[in-house]
Amino acid sequence: MESTAIINIKPLGFPWETLDPFIFCVHHRDEFPIGNEKMGPAVSLAGRNIGQDFSGKDKWNMYHGQTMPGFPYHPHRGFETVTVVKEGVVDHTDSLGAAGRFSTGDVQWMTAGKGVLHSEIFPLLHTDKPNPMELFQIWLNLPKRSKFVQPHFKMLWNENIPVLTETDTNGRAVEVNVIAGYLKGKHAPKPTPDSWAAEANNHVSILTIKLNADATWTLPKTEAGVNRMLYFYKGGAIKIAATDISVYHSVQLKSDVDVTLEAGNEPCYLLLLQGKPMNEPVVQYGPFVMNTEEEIREAFAEYQKTQFGGWPWPNHEQAHARDRGRFALHADGREEKM
């Protein structure tokens, strides 16, 4: 029976629980207000713990930002970040001198490797209307052999991410963005070359799924032994494998069984994270993910000594000009403009 496809159901916390090869996932939804001349909120910040604002006051946060919301420069080592923007704008800068601006529908895939400092700021570009933001940041582990590769990032621009659109027997639509992996003839753009996702036999898949109201869709099976988790993050009600699932819950699935999703009377939004487990020791301390405690201590010592190359930008929370379009400037000087 299809109901045997479900291994576990859990409410979502902060951050979301993940399965090997993923090590972290967070969902940010912020109803940011109109912006001021500094691209910060054009409202009072009174009552917020500036520098550590996760209160959700007025349905938005400043996070670690002082002037603009976001995450001023901070280090990473030993894993990859996949930042999926569903709405809003992100400004990236890093210790390699690379930079970028990406927005609705875009994905940044960054390999931290042996160590990088980077900043992720959410500039509020609009001064005449609100600046809503929604994104996922997903941490994908690097195998031991790739922990010390050279850091870099790759942009998966919205225009290049395939979208699978299907209708069920009642004509109700389903839309799936294929960010990593393969789905029904749709191949995602290649990830960074050192990624666990770069090897097809690791069956890494990242999908965002939208089912219109009352739509039905079947998630096809993959190879046995692959970890597969669905996150139902927005909508009214859904059935997964004939089981009622409440919003903001995760559902761990068996990977070698087709699974039917049935939306209720309003649209449903889900994230799928899937991959063959690395089955390696994982030791995480803050922004460092290694295989041993000794490697964590070495990471802290090296960061304190070198700052992973230092910070070449004038501000800790660096943003680009308000009128700058989407772009990616890579450490080798190559620039992409969209």
C-alpha atoms as a PDB file:
ATOM      1  CA  MET A   1       0.000   0.000   0.000  1.00  0.00           C
ATOM      2  CA  GLU A   2       1.145   3.562  -0.745  1.00  0.00           C
ATOM      3  CA  SER A   3       0.778   4.576   2.921  1.00  0.00           C
ATOM      4  CA  THR A   4       3.859   2.461   3.653  1.00  0.00           C
ATOM      5  CA  ALA A   5       5.825   5.095   1.725  1.00  0.00           C
ATOM      6  CA  ILE A   6       5.852   7.309   4.825  1.00  0.00           C
ATOM      7  CA  ILE A   7       8.629   6.706   7.333  1.00  0.00           C
ATOM      8  CA  ASN A   8       8.114   9.676   9.627  1.00  0.00           C
ATOM      9  CA  ILE A   9       6.063  12.868  10.052  1.00  0.00           C
ATOM     10  CA  LYS A  10       7.314  15.766  12.191  1.00  0.00           C
ATOM     11  CA  PRO A  11       6.383  19.418  12.816  1.00  0.00           C
ATOM     12  CA  LEU A  12       8.899  21.872  11.388  1.00  0.00           C
ATOM     13  CA  GLY A  13      11.059  23.807  13.814  1.00  0.00           C
ATOM     14  CA  PHE A  14      13.834  26.317  13.187  1.00  0.00           C
ATOM     15  CA  PRO A  15      15.964  25.231  11.434  1.00  0.00           C
ATOM     16  CA  TRP A  16      14.289  22.319   9.677  1.00  0.00           C
ATOM     17  CA  GLU A  17      15.518  18.811  10.391  1.00  0.00           C
ATOM     18  CA  THR A  18      17.382  17.289   7.442  1.00  0.00           C
ATOM     19  CA  LEU A  19      18.760  13.912   6.373  1.00  0.00           C
ATOM     20  CA  ASP A  20      22.263  12.985   5.146  1.00  0.00           C
ATOM     21  CA  PRO A  21      23.675  14.333   2.763  1.00  0.00           C
ATOM     22  CA  PHE A  22      21.873  17.547   3.814  1.00  0.00           C
ATOM     23  CA  ILE A  23      22.836  19.074   7.148  1.00  0.00           C
ATOM     24  CA  PHE A  24      20.681  22.200   7.500  1.00  0.00           C
ATOM     25  CA  CYS A  25      17.659  23.888   5.949  1.00  0.00           C
ATOM     26  CA  VAL A  26      15.956  27.118   6.909  1.00  0.00           C
ATOM     27  CA  HIS A  27      12.903  28.861   5.460  1.00  0.00           C
ATOM     28  CA  HIS A  28      12.739  32.645   5.685  1.00  0.00           C
ATOM     29  CA  ARG A  29       9.501  34.511   4.961  1.00  0.00           C
ATOM     30  CA  ASP A  30       9.621  38.234   5.737  1.00  0.00           C
ATOM     31  CA  GLU A  31       7.000  40.858   4.975  1.00  0.00           C
ATOM     32  CA  PHE A  32       9.586  43.638   4.764  1.00  0.00           C
ATOM     33  CA  PRO A  33       8.183  47.192   4.637  1.00  0.00           C
ATOM     34  CA  ILE A  34       9.122  49.940   2.175  1.00  0.00           C
ATOM     35  CA  GLY A  35      12.829  50.792   2.042  1.00  0.00           C
ATOM     36  CA  ASN A  36      14.628  53.974   3.061  1.00  0.00           C
ATOM     37  CA  GLU A  37      17.531  55.794   1.385  1.00  0.00           C
ATOM     38  CA  LYS A  38      19.985  53.241   2.850  1.00  0.00           C
ATOM     39  CA  MET A  39      17.942  50.263   1.568  1.00  0.00           C
ATOM     40  CA  GLY A  40      16.915  49.421   5.123  1.00  0.00           C
ATOM     41  CA  PRO A  41      13.391  49.452   6.587  1.00  0.00           C
ATOM     42  CA  ALA A  42      11.721  52.889   6.458  1.00  0.00           C
ATOM     43  CA  VAL A  43      10.153  52.262   9.870  1.00  0.00           C
ATOM     44  CA  SER A  44      11.304  52.425  13.471  1.00  0.00           C
ATOM     45  CA  LEU A  45      13.571  49.591  14.652  1.00  0.00           C
ATOM     46  CA  ALA A  46      12.620  50.187  18.287  1.00  0.00           C
ATOM     47  CA  GLY A  47      11.918  47.007  20.197  1.00  0.00           C
ATOM     48  CA  ARG A  48      14.222  44.881  18.076  1.00  0.00           C
ATOM     49  CA  ASN A  49      17.436  43.255  19.289  1.00  0.00           C
ATOM     50  CA  ILE A  50      19.538  44.748  16.506  1.00  0.00           C
ATOM     51  CA  GLY A  51      22.348  42.440  15.492  1.00  0.00           C
ATOM     52  CA  GLN A  52      20.377  39.409  16.662  1.00  0.00           C
ATOM     53  CA  ASP A  53      16.798  40.062  15.576  1.00  0.00           C
ATOM     54  CA  PHE A  54      14.828  36.859  14.993  1.00  0.00           C
ATOM     55  CA  SER A  55      11.712  38.026  16.823  1.00  0.00           C
ATOM     56  CA  GLY A  56       9.341  38.055  13.852  1.00  0.00           C
ATOM     57  CA  LYS A  57       7.969  41.419  14.981  1.00  0.00           C
ATOM     58  CA  ASP A  58       5.530  42.762  12.358  1.00  0.00           C
ATOM     59  CA  LYS A  59       6.199  39.547  10.367  1.00  0.00           C
ATOM     60  CA  TRP A  60       9.821  40.349   9.528  1.00  0.00           C
ATOM     61  CA  ASN A  61      13.329  40.205  10.992  1.00  0.00           C
ATOM     62  CA  MET A  62      16.558  42.170  10.700  1.00  0.00           C
ATOM     63  CA  TYR A  63      18.524  38.957  11.440  1.00  0.00           C
ATOM     64  CA  HIS A  64      22.150  40.002  12.094  1.00  0.00           C
ATOM     65  CA  GLY A  65      21.881  43.192  10.047  1.00  0.00           C
ATOM     66  CA  GLN A  66      22.343  46.622  11.629  1.00  0.00           C
ATOM     67  CA  THR A  67      21.089  48.830   8.781  1.00  0.00           C
ATOM     68  CA  MET A  68      19.726  46.364   6.242  1.00  0.00           C
ATOM     69  CA  PRO A  69      18.248  42.959   7.021  1.00  0.00           C
ATOM     70  CA  GLY A  70      20.413  39.932   6.379  1.00  0.00           C
ATOM     71  CA  PHE A  71      23.613  38.223   7.399  1.00  0.00           C
ATOM     72  CA  PRO A  72      26.774  40.391   7.381  1.00  0.00           C
ATOM     73  CA  TYR A  73      30.072  38.665   6.663  1.00  0.00           C
ATOM     74  CA  HIS A  74      30.605  35.311   8.363  1.00  0.00           C
ATOM     75  CA  PRO A  75      32.758  32.221   7.675  1.00  0.00           C
ATOM     76  CA  HIS A  76      31.983  28.752   6.323  1.00  0.00           C
ATOM     77  CA  ARG A  77      34.082  25.648   5.778  1.00  0.00           C
ATOM     78  CA  GLY A  78      33.459  22.081   4.695  1.00  0.00           C
ATOM     79  CA  PHE A  79      30.052  22.184   2.988  1.00  0.00           C
ATOM     80  CA  GLU A  80      27.913  23.958   0.379  1.00  0.00           C
ATOM     81  CA  THR A  81      25.069  26.444   0.623  1.00  0.00           C
ATOM     82  CA  VAL A  82      22.177  26.393  -1.833  1.00  0.00           C
ATOM     83  CA  THR A  83      20.130  29.590  -1.566  1.00  0.00           C
ATOM     84  CA  VAL A  84      16.755  29.365  -3.307  1.00  0.00           C
ATOM     85  CA  VAL A  85      14.995  32.720  -3.668  1.00  0.00           C
ATOM     86  CA  LYS A  86      11.249  32.501  -4.195  1.00  0.00           C
ATOM     87  CA  GLU A  87      10.680  36.249  -3.754  1.00  0.00           C
ATOM     88  CA  GLY A  88      12.889  39.251  -3.001  1.00  0.00           C
ATOM     89  CA  VAL A  89      16.534  40.247  -3.533  1.00  0.00           C
ATOM     90  CA  VAL A  90      19.848  38.965  -2.121  1.00  0.00           C
ATOM     91  CA  ASP A  91      23.210  40.767  -2.392  1.00  0.00           C
ATOM     92  CA  HIS A  92      26.285  38.524  -2.119  1.00  0.00           C
ATOM     93  CA  THR A  93      29.906  39.481  -1.442  1.00  0.00           C
ATOM     94  CA  ASP A  94      32.783  37.281  -0.298  1.00  0.00           C
ATOM     95  CA  SER A  95      36.427  37.156   0.753  1.00  0.00           C
ATOM     96  CA  LEU A  96      37.529  36.136  -2.753  1.00  0.00           C
ATOM     97  CA  GLY A  97      36.316  39.471  -4.117  1.00  0.00           C
ATOM     98  CA  ALA A  98      33.306  37.864  -5.755  1.00  0.00           C
ATOM     99  CA  ALA A  99      29.874  39.479  -5.647  1.00  0.00           C
ATOM    100  CA  GLY A 100      26.384  39.208  -7.013  1.00  0.00           C
ATOM    101  CA  ARG A 101      22.754  40.186  -6.883  1.00  0.00           C
ATOM    102  CA  PHE A 102      20.086  37.556  -7.398  1.00  0.00           C
ATOM    103  CA  SER A 103      16.340  37.610  -6.961  1.00  0.00           C
ATOM    104  CA  THR A 104      12.998  35.879  -7.469  1.00  0.00           C
ATOM    105  CA  GLY A 105      13.473  32.421  -8.972  1.00  0.00           C
ATOM    106  CA  ASP A 106      17.280  32.473  -8.868  1.00  0.00           C
ATOM    107  CA  VAL A 107      19.491  30.033  -6.950  1.00  0.00           C
ATOM    108  CA  GLN A 108      23.038  30.527  -5.721  1.00  0.00           C
ATOM    109  CA  TRP A 109      25.100  27.361  -5.218  1.00  0.00           C
ATOM    110  CA  MET A 110      28.206  28.113  -3.157  1.00  0.00           C
ATOM    111  CA  THR A 111      30.990  25.689  -2.298  1.00  0.00           C
ATOM    112  CA  ALA A 112      32.636  26.858   0.923  1.00  0.00           C
ATOM    113  CA  GLY A 113      35.331  24.182   0.670  1.00  0.00           C
ATOM    114  CA  LYS A 114      38.499  25.053   2.583  1.00  0.00           C
ATOM    115  CA  GLY A 115      37.023  28.315   3.837  1.00  0.00           C
ATOM    116  CA  VAL A 116      35.320  31.512   2.750  1.00  0.00           C
ATOM    117  CA  LEU A 117      33.818  34.629   4.290  1.00  0.00           C
ATOM    118  CA  HIS A 118      30.608  35.816   2.704  1.00  0.00           C
ATOM    119  CA  SER A 119      27.794  38.263   3.288  1.00  0.00           C
ATOM    120  CA  GLU A 120      24.117  37.792   2.417  1.00  0.00           C
ATOM    121  CA  ILE A 121      22.169  41.047   2.634  1.00  0.00           C
ATOM    122  CA  PHE A 122      18.527  41.651   1.705  1.00  0.00           C
ATOM    123  CA  PRO A 123      18.406  45.224   0.348  1.00  0.00           C
ATOM    124  CA  LEU A 124      14.950  46.812   0.398  1.00  0.00           C
ATOM    125  CA  LEU A 125      15.025  48.345  -3.065  1.00  0.00           C
ATOM    126  CA  HIS A 126      11.458  49.614  -3.243  1.00  0.00           C
ATOM    127  CA  THR A 127      10.729  52.935  -1.552  1.00  0.00           C
ATOM    128  CA  ASP A 128       7.108  53.097  -2.705  1.00  0.00           C
ATOM    129  CA  LYS A 129       5.846  49.619  -1.813  1.00  0.00           C
ATOM    130  CA  PRO A 130       6.690  46.704   0.530  1.00  0.00           C
ATOM    131  CA  ASN A 131       9.650  44.396  -0.135  1.00  0.00           C
ATOM    132  CA  PRO A 132       8.480  40.848   0.687  1.00  0.00           C
ATOM    133  CA  MET A 133      11.161  38.150   0.873  1.00  0.00           C
ATOM    134  CA  GLU A 134      10.975  34.362   0.809  1.00  0.00           C
ATOM    135  CA  LEU A 135      13.917  32.005   0.511  1.00  0.00           C
ATOM    136  CA  PHE A 136      15.353  28.685   1.532  1.00  0.00           C
ATOM    137  CA  GLN A 137      18.950  28.197   2.533  1.00  0.00           C
ATOM    138  CA  ILE A 138      20.008  24.589   2.300  1.00  0.00           C
ATOM    139  CA  TRP A 139      23.329  23.212   3.502  1.00  0.00           C
ATOM    140  CA  LEU A 140      24.597  20.225   1.522  1.00  0.00           C
ATOM    141  CA  ASN A 141      27.548  18.395   3.018  1.00  0.00           C
ATOM    142  CA  LEU A 142      30.816  17.887   1.155  1.00  0.00           C
ATOM    143  CA  PRO A 143      32.388  14.431   1.309  1.00  0.00           C
ATOM    144  CA  LYS A 144      35.704  14.101   3.138  1.00  0.00           C
ATOM    145  CA  ARG A 145      37.634  14.119  -0.131  1.00  0.00           C
ATOM    146  CA  SER A 146      36.208  17.557  -1.029  1.00  0.00           C
ATOM    147  CA  LYS A 147      36.299  19.377   2.323  1.00  0.00           C
ATOM    148  CA  PHE A 148      39.317  21.459   1.297  1.00  0.00           C
ATOM    149  CA  VAL A 149      38.535  22.299  -2.323  1.00  0.00           C
ATOM    150  CA  GLN A 150      38.842  25.895  -3.508  1.00  0.00           C
ATOM    151  CA  PRO A 151      35.721  27.918  -2.588  1.00  0.00           C
ATOM    152  CA  HIS A 152      33.579  29.388  -5.337  1.00  0.00           C
ATOM    153  CA  PHE A 153      29.949  29.845  -6.329  1.00  0.00           C
ATOM    154  CA  LYS A 154      27.722  29.244  -9.315  1.00  0.00           C
ATOM    155  CA  MET A 155      24.502  30.984 -10.279  1.00  0.00           C
ATOM    156  CA  LEU A 156      21.503  28.989 -11.417  1.00  0.00           C
ATOM    157  CA  TRP A 157      19.506  31.808 -12.960  1.00  0.00           C
ATOM    158  CA  ASN A 158      15.732  31.589 -12.991  1.00  0.00           C
ATOM    159  CA  GLU A 159      15.708  31.555 -16.784  1.00  0.00           C
ATOM    160  CA  ASN A 160      17.837  28.383 -16.827  1.00  0.00           C
ATOM    161  CA  ILE A 161      16.049  26.353 -14.138  1.00  0.00           C
ATOM    162  CA  PRO A 162      13.651  23.898 -15.807  1.00  0.00           C
ATOM    163  CA  VAL A 163      10.018  23.880 -14.755  1.00  0.00           C
ATOM    164  CA  LEU A 164       7.854  20.794 -15.087  1.00  0.00           C
ATOM    165  CA  THR A 165       4.193  21.738 -15.593  1.00  0.00           C
ATOM    166  CA  GLU A 166       1.545  19.032 -15.580  1.00  0.00           C
ATOM    167  CA  THR A 167      -2.217  18.874 -15.234  1.00  0.00           C
ATOM    168  CA  ASP A 168      -4.096  16.087 -13.501  1.00  0.00           C
ATOM    169  CA  THR A 169      -7.134  14.284 -14.902  1.00  0.00           C
ATOM    170  CA  ASN A 170      -9.348  17.145 -13.698  1.00  0.00           C
ATOM    171  CA  GLY A 171      -7.236  19.781 -15.425  1.00  0.00           C
ATOM    172  CA  ARG A 172      -5.678  21.138 -12.231  1.00  0.00           C
ATOM    173  CA  ALA A 173      -2.077  22.269 -12.574  1.00  0.00           C
ATOM    174  CA  VAL A 174       1.120  21.285 -10.806  1.00  0.00           C
ATOM    175  CA  GLU A 175       4.380  23.207 -11.215  1.00  0.00           C
ATOM    176  CA  VAL A 176       7.773  21.813 -10.182  1.00  0.00           C
ATOM    177  CA  ASN A 177      11.057  23.748 -10.294  1.00  0.00           C
ATOM    178  CA  VAL A 178      13.950  21.317 -10.849  1.00  0.00           C
ATOM    179  CA  ILE A 179      16.853  22.949  -8.985  1.00  0.00           C
ATOM    180  CA  ALA A 180      18.982  19.817  -8.664  1.00  0.00           C
ATOM    181  CA  GLY A 181      18.676  16.409 -10.221  1.00  0.00           C
ATOM    182  CA  TYR A 182      16.324  15.024 -12.838  1.00  0.00           C
ATOM    183  CA  LEU A 183      12.543  14.757 -13.086  1.00  0.00           C
ATOM    184  CA  LYS A 184      10.467  13.394 -15.960  1.00  0.00           C
ATOM    185  CA  GLY A 185      12.776  14.575 -18.726  1.00  0.00           C
ATOM    186  CA  LYS A 186      13.820  17.796 -17.004  1.00  0.00           C
ATOM    187  CA  HIS A 187      17.510  18.057 -16.078  1.00  0.00           C
ATOM    188  CA  ALA A 188      18.556  20.731 -13.579  1.00  0.00           C
ATOM    189  CA  PRO A 189      21.559  22.931 -14.410  1.00  0.00           C
ATOM    190  CA  LYS A 190      24.849  21.379 -13.357  1.00  0.00           C
ATOM    191  CA  PRO A 191      25.822  22.184  -9.768  1.00  0.00           C
ATOM    192  CA  THR A 192      29.332  23.130  -8.697  1.00  0.00           C
ATOM    193  CA  PRO A 193      31.851  20.493  -9.861  1.00  0.00           C
ATOM    194  CA  ASP A 194      32.955  19.309  -6.397  1.00  0.00           C
ATOM    195  CA  SER A 195      29.398  18.843  -5.161  1.00  0.00           C
ATOM    196  CA  TRP A 196      27.940  15.523  -4.042  1.00  0.00           C
ATOM    197  CA  ALA A 197      25.126  16.499  -6.427  1.00  0.00           C
ATOM    198  CA  ALA A 198      27.523  16.513  -9.399  1.00  0.00           C
ATOM    199  CA  GLU A 199      27.536  12.684  -9.472  1.00  0.00           C
ATOM    200  CA  ALA A 200      24.295  11.327 -10.946  1.00  0.00           C
ATOM    201  CA  ASN A 201      24.460   8.085  -8.955  1.00  0.00           C
ATOM    202  CA  ASN A 202      24.097  10.089  -5.718  1.00  0.00           C
ATOM    203  CA  HIS A 203      20.516  10.916  -6.792  1.00  0.00           C
ATOM    204  CA  VAL A 204      20.571  14.389  -5.259  1.00  0.00           C
ATOM    205  CA  SER A 205      17.372  16.265  -6.000  1.00  0.00           C
ATOM    206  CA  ILE A 206      16.091  19.654  -4.887  1.00  0.00           C
ATOM    207  CA  LEU A 207      12.576  20.505  -6.052  1.00  0.00           C
ATOM    208  CA  THR A 208      10.064  23.185  -5.196  1.00  0.00           C
ATOM    209  CA  ILE A 209       6.518  21.994  -5.853  1.00  0.00           C
ATOM    210  CA  LYS A 210       3.285  23.945  -6.218  1.00  0.00           C
ATOM    211  CA  LEU A 211      -0.030  22.124  -6.453  1.00  0.00           C
ATOM    212  CA  ASN A 212      -3.041  24.232  -7.338  1.00  0.00           C
ATOM    213  CA  ALA A 213      -6.179  23.756  -5.244  1.00  0.00           C
ATOM    214  CA  ASP A 214      -7.534  20.194  -5.454  1.00  0.00           C
ATOM    215  CA  ALA A 215      -4.679  19.093  -7.724  1.00  0.00           C
ATOM    216  CA  THR A 216      -3.227  15.575  -7.614  1.00  0.00           C
ATOM    217  CA  TRP A 217       0.326  14.676  -8.615  1.00  0.00           C
ATOM    218  CA  THR A 218       2.577  11.656  -8.250  1.00  0.00           C
ATOM    219  CA  LEU A 219       6.192  12.040  -7.176  1.00  0.00           C
ATOM    220  CA  PRO A 220       8.017   9.244  -8.994  1.00  0.00           C
ATOM    221  CA  LYS A 221      10.163   6.779  -7.117  1.00  0.00           C
ATOM    222  CA  THR A 222      13.930   6.684  -7.279  1.00  0.00           C
ATOM    223  CA  GLU A 223      16.570   4.186  -6.187  1.00  0.00           C
ATOM    224  CA  ALA A 224      16.240   2.362  -2.855  1.00  0.00           C
ATOM    225  CA  GLY A 225      18.468   3.590  -0.025  1.00  0.00           C
ATOM    226  CA  VAL A 226      18.187   7.271  -0.962  1.00  0.00           C
ATOM    227  CA  ASN A 227      17.116   9.705   1.761  1.00  0.00           C
ATOM    228  CA  ARG A 228      13.993  11.634   0.758  1.00  0.00           C
ATOM    229  CA  MET A 229      12.195  14.374   2.713  1.00  0.00           C
ATOM    230  CA  LEU A 230       9.199  16.504   1.744  1.00  0.00           C
ATOM    231  CA  TYR A 231       8.585  19.797   3.565  1.00  0.00           C
ATOM    232  CA  PHE A 232       5.008  21.116   3.405  1.00  0.00           C
ATOM    233  CA  TYR A 233       5.615  24.775   4.187  1.00  0.00           C
ATOM    234  CA  LYS A 234       2.570  26.635   2.859  1.00  0.00           C
ATOM    235  CA  GLY A 235      -1.064  25.801   2.152  1.00  0.00           C
ATOM    236  CA  GLY A 236      -4.190  24.615   3.907  1.00  0.00           C
ATOM    237  CA  ALA A 237      -4.201  20.839   3.859  1.00  0.00           C
ATOM    238  CA  ILE A 238      -2.664  18.048   1.827  1.00  0.00           C
ATOM    239  CA  LYS A 239      -2.708  14.276   1.604  1.00  0.00           C
ATOM    240  CA  ILE A 240       0.657  12.600   1.055  1.00  0.00           C
ATOM    241  CA  ALA A 241       0.502   8.879   0.355  1.00  0.00           C
ATOM    242  CA  ALA A 242      -3.180   8.948   1.401  1.00  0.00           C
ATOM    243  CA  THR A 243      -2.243  10.456   4.794  1.00  0.00           C
ATOM    244  CA  ASP A 244      -3.493  13.847   6.004  1.00  0.00           C
ATOM    245  CA  ILE A 245      -0.546  16.180   6.627  1.00  0.00           C
ATOM    246  CA  SER A 246      -0.837  19.540   8.386  1.00  0.00           C
ATOM    247  CA  VAL A 247       0.978  22.588   7.085  1.00  0.00           C
ATOM    248  CA  TYR A 248       4.532  23.200   8.341  1.00  0.00           C
ATOM    249  CA  HIS A 249       5.347  19.521   8.720  1.00  0.00           C
ATOM    250  CA  SER A 250       8.049  17.337   7.192  1.00  0.00           C
ATOM    251  CA  VAL A 251       7.396  13.893   5.770  1.00  0.00           C
ATOM    252  CA  GLN A 252      10.226  11.392   5.411  1.00  0.00           C
ATOM    253  CA  LEU A 253       9.500   9.034   2.527  1.00  0.00           C
ATOM    254  CA  LYS A 254      10.763   5.730   1.252  1.00  0.00           C
ATOM    255  CA  SER A 255      12.578   6.486  -1.970  1.00  0.00           C
ATOM    256  CA  ASP A 256      11.619   3.434  -4.051  1.00  0.00           C
ATOM    257  CA  VAL A 257       7.834   4.014  -3.938  1.00  0.00           C
ATOM    258  CA  ASP A 258       5.736   6.370  -6.066  1.00  0.00           C
ATOM    259  CA  VAL A 259       3.983   8.871  -3.788  1.00  0.00           C
ATOM    260  CA  THR A 260       0.696  10.650  -4.554  1.00  0.00           C
ATOM    261  CA  LEU A 261       0.192  14.236  -3.375  1.00  0.00           C
ATOM    262  CA  GLU A 262      -3.388  15.556  -3.145  1.00  0.00           C
ATOM    263  CA  ALA A 263      -3.962  19.249  -2.396  1.00  0.00           C
ATOM    264  CA  GLY A 264      -6.926  20.493  -0.441  1.00  0.00           C
ATOM    265  CA  ASN A 265      -9.083  23.474  -1.372  1.00  0.00           C
ATOM    266  CA  GLU A 266      -6.179  25.924  -1.639  1.00  0.00           C
ATOM    267  CA  PRO A 267      -2.733  25.791  -3.298  1.00  0.00           C
ATOM    268  CA  CYS A 268      -0.006  23.791  -1.527  1.00  0.00           C
ATOM    269  CA  TYR A 269       3.729  24.476  -1.603  1.00  0.00           C
ATOM    270  CA  LEU A 270       6.437  21.924  -0.827  1.00  0.00           C
ATOM    271  CA  LEU A 271      10.206  21.524  -0.902  1.00  0.00           C
ATOM    272  CA  LEU A 272      11.842  18.174  -1.658  1.00  0.00           C
ATOM    273  CA  LEU A 273      15.382  17.344  -0.507  1.00  0.00           C
ATOM    274  CA  GLN A 274      16.699  13.994  -1.646  1.00  0.00           C
ATOM    275  CA  GLY A 275      20.094  12.317  -1.875  1.00  0.00           C
ATOM    276  CA  LYS A 276      22.153   9.220  -1.307  1.00  0.00           C
ATOM    277  CA  PRO A 277      23.684   9.461   2.167  1.00  0.00           C
ATOM    278  CA  MET A 278      27.451   9.937   2.480  1.00  0.00           C
ATOM    279  CA  ASN A 279      27.564   7.817   5.622  1.00  0.00           C
ATOM    280  CA  GLU A 280      30.586   9.749   6.900  1.00  0.00           C
ATOM    281  CA  PRO A 281      31.109  11.210  10.386  1.00  0.00           C
ATOM    282  CA  VAL A 282      29.664  14.727  10.690  1.00  0.00           C
ATOM    283  CA  VAL A 283      30.970  17.176  13.292  1.00  0.00           C
ATOM    284  CA  GLN A 284      29.348  20.597  13.073  1.00  0.00           C
ATOM    285  CA  TYR A 285      30.176  23.627  15.143  1.00  0.00           C
ATOM    286  CA  GLY A 286      28.420  26.777  13.966  1.00  0.00           C
ATOM    287  CA  PRO A 287      29.557  27.591  10.435  1.00  0.00           C
ATOM    288  CA  PHE A 288      32.063  24.720  10.142  1.00  0.00           C
ATOM    289  CA  VAL A 289      31.150  21.158   9.126  1.00  0.00           C
ATOM    290  CA  MET A 290      33.957  18.612   9.230  1.00  0.00           C
ATOM    291  CA  ASN A 291      34.539  14.918   9.983  1.00  0.00           C
ATOM    292  CA  THR A 292      36.347  15.178  13.333  1.00  0.00           C
ATOM    293  CA  GLU A 293      36.561  17.424  16.396  1.00  0.00           C
ATOM    294  CA  GLU A 294      40.227  18.032  15.594  1.00  0.00           C
ATOM    295  CA  GLU A 295      39.297  19.373  12.159  1.00  0.00           C
ATOM    296  CA  ILE A 296      36.815  21.745  13.794  1.00  0.00           C
ATOM    297  CA  ARG A 297      39.530  23.066  16.106  1.00  0.00           C
ATOM    298  CA  GLU A 298      41.847  23.493  13.120  1.00  0.00           C
ATOM    299  CA  ALA A 299      39.121  25.396  11.261  1.00  0.00           C
ATOM    300  CA  PHE A 300      38.686  27.860  14.136  1.00  0.00           C
ATOM    301  CA  ALA A 301      42.454  28.300  14.505  1.00  0.00           C
ATOM    302  CA  GLU A 302      42.929  28.964  10.788  1.00  0.00           C
ATOM    303  CA  TYR A 303      40.008  31.375  10.661  1.00  0.00           C
ATOM    304  CA  GLN A 304      41.374  33.339  13.619  1.00  0.00           C
ATOM    305  CA  LYS A 305      44.791  33.479  11.970  1.00  0.00           C
ATOM    306  CA  THR A 306      43.876  34.187   8.332  1.00  0.00           C
ATOM    307  CA  GLN A 307      40.219  35.291   8.293  1.00  0.00           C
ATOM    308  CA  PHE A 308      40.034  33.026   5.228  1.00  0.00           C
ATOM    309  CA  GLY A 309      41.689  35.744   3.170  1.00  0.00           C
ATOM    310  CA  GLY A 310      40.196  38.768   4.920  1.00  0.00           C
ATOM    311  CA  TRP A 311      37.382  41.064   3.896  1.00  0.00           C
ATOM    312  CA  PRO A 312      38.031  43.182   0.768  1.00  0.00           C
ATOM    313  CA  TRP A 313      34.773  45.173   0.948  1.00  0.00           C
ATOM    314  CA  PRO A 314      34.198  48.495   2.735  1.00  0.00           C
ATOM    315  CA  ASN A 315      31.211  47.303   4.799  1.00  0.00           C
ATOM    316  CA  HIS A 316      30.435  44.222   6.853  1.00  0.00           C
ATOM    317  CA  GLU A 317      26.895  44.271   5.465  1.00  0.00           C
ATOM    318  CA  GLN A 318      27.787  45.116   1.889  1.00  0.00           C
ATOM    319  CA  ALA A 319      25.038  45.898  -0.610  1.00  0.00           C
ATOM    320  CA  HIS A 320      25.188  46.941  -4.241  1.00  0.00           C
ATOM    321  CA  ALA A 321      23.759  50.086  -5.820  1.00  0.00           C
ATOM    322  CA  ARG A 322      19.982  50.303  -5.707  1.00  0.00           C
ATOM    323  CA  ASP A 323      19.703  50.449  -9.500  1.00  0.00           C
ATOM    324  CA  ARG A 324      22.101  47.545 -10.115  1.00  0.00           C
ATOM    325  CA  GLY A 325      20.474  44.633 -11.911  1.00  0.00           C
ATOM    326  CA  ARG A 326      21.012  40.930 -11.360  1.00  0.00           C
ATOM    327  CA  PHE A 327      24.646  39.951 -11.854  1.00  0.00           C
ATOM    328  CA  ALA A 328      27.419  37.644 -10.709  1.00  0.00           C
ATOM    329  CA  LEU A 329      31.053  38.726 -10.465  1.00  0.00           C
ATOM    330  CA  HIS A 330      33.310  35.729  -9.938  1.00  0.00           C
ATOM    331  CA  ALA A 331      36.718  35.657  -8.272  1.00  0.00           C
ATOM    332  CA  ASP A 332      38.444  35.141 -11.632  1.00  0.00           C
ATOM    333  CA  GLY A 333      36.960  38.420 -12.927  1.00  0.00           C
ATOM    334  CA  ARG A 334      34.306  36.775 -15.073  1.00  0.00           C
ATOM    335  CA  GLU A 335      31.004  38.639 -14.888  1.00  0.00           C
ATOM    336  CA  GLU A 336      27.494  37.521 -15.711  1.00  0.00           C
ATOM    337  CA  LYS A 337      24.721  40.076 -16.235  1.00  0.00           C
ATOM    338  CA  MET A 338      21.040  39.217 -16.433  1.00  0.00           C
END
